[in-house]
Structures are given as C-alpha cells and as structure tokens.
Amino acid sequence: MDFSIRVEDARILSAIQSLLAMARNATPIMREIAAIGENSTRLRFRTETAPDGSRWKPSLRVRMAGGRTLTKDGHLADSVSGNAGKDFAEWGVNRPYAAIHQFGGEIKARSGGFLRFRLANGAWASVKSVVIPDRPFLGVSDDDAEDILDVLGRHINNLTGQLSARFGGAHAG
C-alpha cells in the first residue's frame, strides 16, 4: 500500500526548508565536535591515557628519568589540530611518527644494521629493532561521545525552539 501526504501550508513548508538548510550545512556543530576531539586528545597526553581509559605503558625514558610518556619535547601533542565543514568534523596530528605511537609496532634497522640512540641516562644503545607499544591518543571516549551528543541535542533544541518561535508553535525546550 502506497500513500503520500501533500503539505500546502506555507508555514510548515518554510519550517521544513529551514530544518533542511540547517542539516545541509552543520559547520557550526561540526566545529564544536572537532573542538571536543582536539581538547580530549590534548588531555590524553597530560593524563597518559587511551580513549578507552586505559593507561599507556610508560616509556623507557620515563622509567629511567621521569616525566611523561610521549611528551619529551611536546611536539606530538602540540601538533593536535582539527578541521570541520558542513558535513564532517576531524582532528588529528601531523607528525610522521604519530602512527607508530598510536598503533604500536616494531622498528627494524635497515640493511641489517643497528638502530642507535641515546638513553635517558646518557648512555648509547645499539639494537637491531625496538618494539613500540601502542599508546592510543586519537579516538572517541565514552565521555567524548556524551559531549558530542550534548552538542547535537543542544543544537536540535535550539533549532526547534527557533522554528517554533518563528512559526508560532509551542516548544518545550
């Protein structure tokens, strides 16, 4: 069974057009969502925790000399940035070594040689490979999801309130 409803009320059509216009360009909402992601990611570097709340494995430098994991110079955390448009919100980092820290993995010396690096105590180490544990900093935590839902709810309530005021209906927002 097929059926259709035709709306000819100018106020209803105008309200529908306003709602659709907001849905086509949600840039202000997406900017807020990207900001939530950026701020949460920066906080993870201070608290050394993954989006799921688990603690990062302390780095060798931290175990030997103190400080915070992934923040020796702060370049990775300082590179957190976001972007938003009419239908997307994104945030991330721009350092080439970010992926190995996010996902973990093994770094091997090229051509059968050695990796050589200075330890926190000043001594030098030469090894064939090192295993970097995953230390996720990008992602959406449960708290982030709640904050994003709050942003969406607020914008929906604001819009319905505006439409109600504009078109004379009652709104319980």
Protein backbone atom coordinates (compact mmCIF):
# COMPACT_ATOMS: atom_id res chain seq x y z
CA MET A 1 0.00 0.00 0.00
CA ASP A 2 1.46 3.35 -1.05
CA PHE A 3 0.31 6.71 0.14
CA SER A 4 1.55 10.26 0.19
CA ILE A 5 0.79 13.45 2.03
CA ARG A 6 0.96 16.79 0.34
CA VAL A 7 1.65 19.81 2.54
CA GLU A 8 0.46 23.13 1.22
CA ASP A 9 0.72 25.17 4.40
CA ALA A 10 3.34 27.88 3.80
CA ARG A 11 4.41 27.94 7.46
CA ILE A 12 5.04 24.19 7.52
CA LEU A 13 6.90 24.28 4.21
CA SER A 14 9.04 27.17 5.43
CA ALA A 15 9.82 25.31 8.67
CA ILE A 16 10.80 22.21 6.70
CA GLN A 17 13.04 24.31 4.44
CA SER A 18 14.72 25.88 7.50
CA LEU A 19 15.33 22.46 9.02
CA LEU A 20 16.78 21.12 5.77
CA ALA A 21 19.02 24.18 5.35
CA MET A 22 20.49 23.57 8.81
CA ALA A 23 21.03 19.90 8.02
CA ARG A 24 22.81 20.73 4.75
CA ASN A 25 25.35 22.95 6.48
CA ALA A 26 26.12 21.83 10.00
CA THR A 27 29.52 23.60 10.06
CA PRO A 28 28.96 25.29 13.46
CA ILE A 29 28.01 21.96 15.02
CA MET A 30 30.93 20.19 13.36
CA ARG A 31 33.34 22.86 14.66
CA GLU A 32 32.19 22.13 18.21
CA ILE A 33 32.61 18.40 17.68
CA ALA A 34 36.13 18.88 16.28
CA ALA A 35 36.99 21.06 19.29
CA ILE A 36 35.80 18.30 21.65
CA GLY A 37 38.10 15.84 19.86
CA GLU A 38 41.08 18.22 19.92
CA ASN A 39 40.70 19.04 23.61
CA SER A 40 40.20 15.42 24.58
CA THR A 41 43.29 14.38 22.60
CA ARG A 42 45.42 17.06 24.27
CA LEU A 43 44.16 15.88 27.67
CA ARG A 44 45.26 12.32 26.88
CA PHE A 45 48.86 13.49 26.57
CA ARG A 46 48.62 15.05 30.05
CA THR A 47 46.91 12.04 31.64
CA GLU A 48 48.73 9.38 29.57
CA THR A 49 45.52 7.52 28.87
CA ALA A 50 43.89 5.97 25.82
CA PRO A 51 40.35 6.81 24.69
CA ASP A 52 39.14 3.67 26.46
CA GLY A 53 40.59 4.98 29.75
CA SER A 54 43.49 2.53 29.96
CA ARG A 55 46.89 3.87 31.00
CA TRP A 56 49.71 3.97 28.46
CA LYS A 57 52.72 1.78 29.12
CA PRO A 58 55.42 4.15 30.42
CA SER A 59 58.28 4.71 28.02
CA LEU A 60 61.84 3.67 28.85
CA ARG A 61 62.79 7.36 29.17
CA VAL A 62 60.05 7.90 31.76
CA ARG A 63 61.04 4.78 33.68
CA MET A 64 64.70 5.92 33.74
CA ALA A 65 64.38 9.67 34.19
CA GLY A 66 60.76 10.57 34.94
CA GLY A 67 58.45 12.85 33.03
CA ARG A 68 55.51 11.87 30.86
CA THR A 69 55.35 9.35 28.03
CA LEU A 70 55.07 10.85 24.51
CA THR A 71 55.80 14.35 25.79
CA LYS A 72 59.59 14.69 25.90
CA ASP A 73 59.57 17.78 23.68
CA GLY A 74 55.79 18.12 23.32
CA HIS A 75 55.85 18.20 19.52
CA LEU A 76 53.30 15.42 19.04
CA ALA A 77 50.77 16.94 21.46
CA ASP A 78 51.43 20.42 20.07
CA SER A 79 50.54 19.22 16.58
CA VAL A 80 46.94 18.31 17.51
CA SER A 81 44.58 20.22 15.24
CA GLY A 82 41.10 19.91 13.87
CA ASN A 83 39.00 20.83 10.90
CA ALA A 84 35.29 20.97 10.21
CA GLY A 85 32.93 21.52 7.33
CA LYS A 86 29.27 21.31 6.52
CA ASP A 87 29.19 17.53 6.94
CA PHE A 88 32.38 16.49 8.76
CA ALA A 89 34.45 17.01 11.90
CA GLU A 90 38.01 15.72 12.13
CA TRP A 91 41.06 16.06 14.33
CA GLY A 92 44.48 14.51 14.35
CA VAL A 93 48.22 15.14 14.43
CA ASN A 94 50.70 15.88 11.67
CA ARG A 95 53.87 14.18 12.87
CA PRO A 96 55.19 11.29 10.74
CA TYR A 97 55.94 9.20 13.84
CA ALA A 98 52.38 9.51 15.20
CA ALA A 99 51.17 6.20 13.73
CA ILE A 100 53.82 4.07 15.47
CA HIS A 101 52.75 5.52 18.81
CA GLN A 102 49.01 5.25 18.11
CA PHE A 103 49.11 1.66 16.84
CA GLY A 104 52.45 0.34 18.11
CA GLY A 105 54.81 -1.80 16.07
CA GLU A 106 58.36 -2.87 15.52
CA ILE A 107 61.04 -0.59 14.14
CA LYS A 108 63.88 -2.51 12.47
CA ALA A 109 67.29 -1.30 11.42
CA ARG A 110 67.73 -1.01 7.67
CA SER A 111 70.04 -3.31 5.75
CA GLY A 112 70.83 -5.49 8.74
CA GLY A 113 72.44 -2.60 10.62
CA PHE A 114 71.69 -1.23 14.03
CA LEU A 115 69.40 1.41 15.44
CA ARG A 116 71.48 3.72 17.59
CA PHE A 117 70.01 6.12 20.12
CA ARG A 118 70.83 7.84 23.39
CA LEU A 119 69.10 6.63 26.54
CA ALA A 120 67.75 8.94 29.23
CA ASN A 121 70.83 8.27 31.39
CA GLY A 122 73.13 9.49 28.61
CA ALA A 123 74.37 6.03 27.54
CA TRP A 124 74.08 4.93 23.90
CA ALA A 125 72.20 1.84 22.79
CA SER A 126 72.61 -0.11 19.54
CA VAL A 127 69.92 -2.66 18.74
CA LYS A 128 68.60 -4.48 15.67
CA SER A 129 64.99 -3.49 16.46
CA VAL A 130 62.72 -1.93 19.05
CA VAL A 131 59.09 -2.70 19.79
CA ILE A 132 56.95 0.34 20.45
CA PRO A 133 53.75 -0.49 22.38
CA ASP A 134 50.53 1.09 21.21
CA ARG A 135 49.66 4.24 23.12
CA PRO A 136 46.40 5.40 21.54
CA PHE A 137 45.74 9.12 21.83
CA LEU A 138 43.26 9.55 18.97
CA GLY A 139 39.70 8.29 19.26
CA VAL A 140 36.36 8.98 20.89
CA SER A 141 35.97 8.10 24.55
CA ASP A 142 32.63 7.47 26.25
CA ASP A 143 32.84 10.98 27.73
CA ASP A 144 33.57 12.42 24.27
CA ALA A 145 30.54 10.63 22.85
CA GLU A 146 28.36 12.09 25.62
CA ASP A 147 29.74 15.58 24.95
CA ILE A 148 29.09 15.20 21.22
CA LEU A 149 25.52 14.02 21.90
CA ASP A 150 25.03 17.04 24.19
CA VAL A 151 26.18 19.37 21.39
CA LEU A 152 23.82 17.72 18.92
CA GLY A 153 20.91 17.81 21.37
CA ARG A 154 21.50 21.46 22.19
CA HIS A 155 21.56 22.42 18.52
CA ILE A 156 18.43 20.40 17.78
CA ASN A 157 16.63 22.01 20.73
CA ASN A 158 17.80 25.48 19.65
CA LEU A 159 16.62 24.88 16.12
CA THR A 160 13.23 23.54 17.15
CA GLY A 161 12.84 26.49 19.53
CA GLN A 162 13.69 28.92 16.73
CA LEU A 163 11.29 27.21 14.36
CA SER A 164 8.56 27.18 16.99
CA ALA A 165 9.03 30.89 17.71
CA ARG A 166 9.20 31.74 14.02
CA PHE A 167 6.14 29.75 13.05
CA GLY A 168 4.00 30.22 16.14
CA GLY A 169 4.02 26.76 17.67
CA ALA A 170 4.62 25.68 21.23
CA HIS A 171 8.06 24.39 22.16
CA ALA A 172 9.01 22.62 25.35
CA GLY A 173 12.78 23.01 25.07
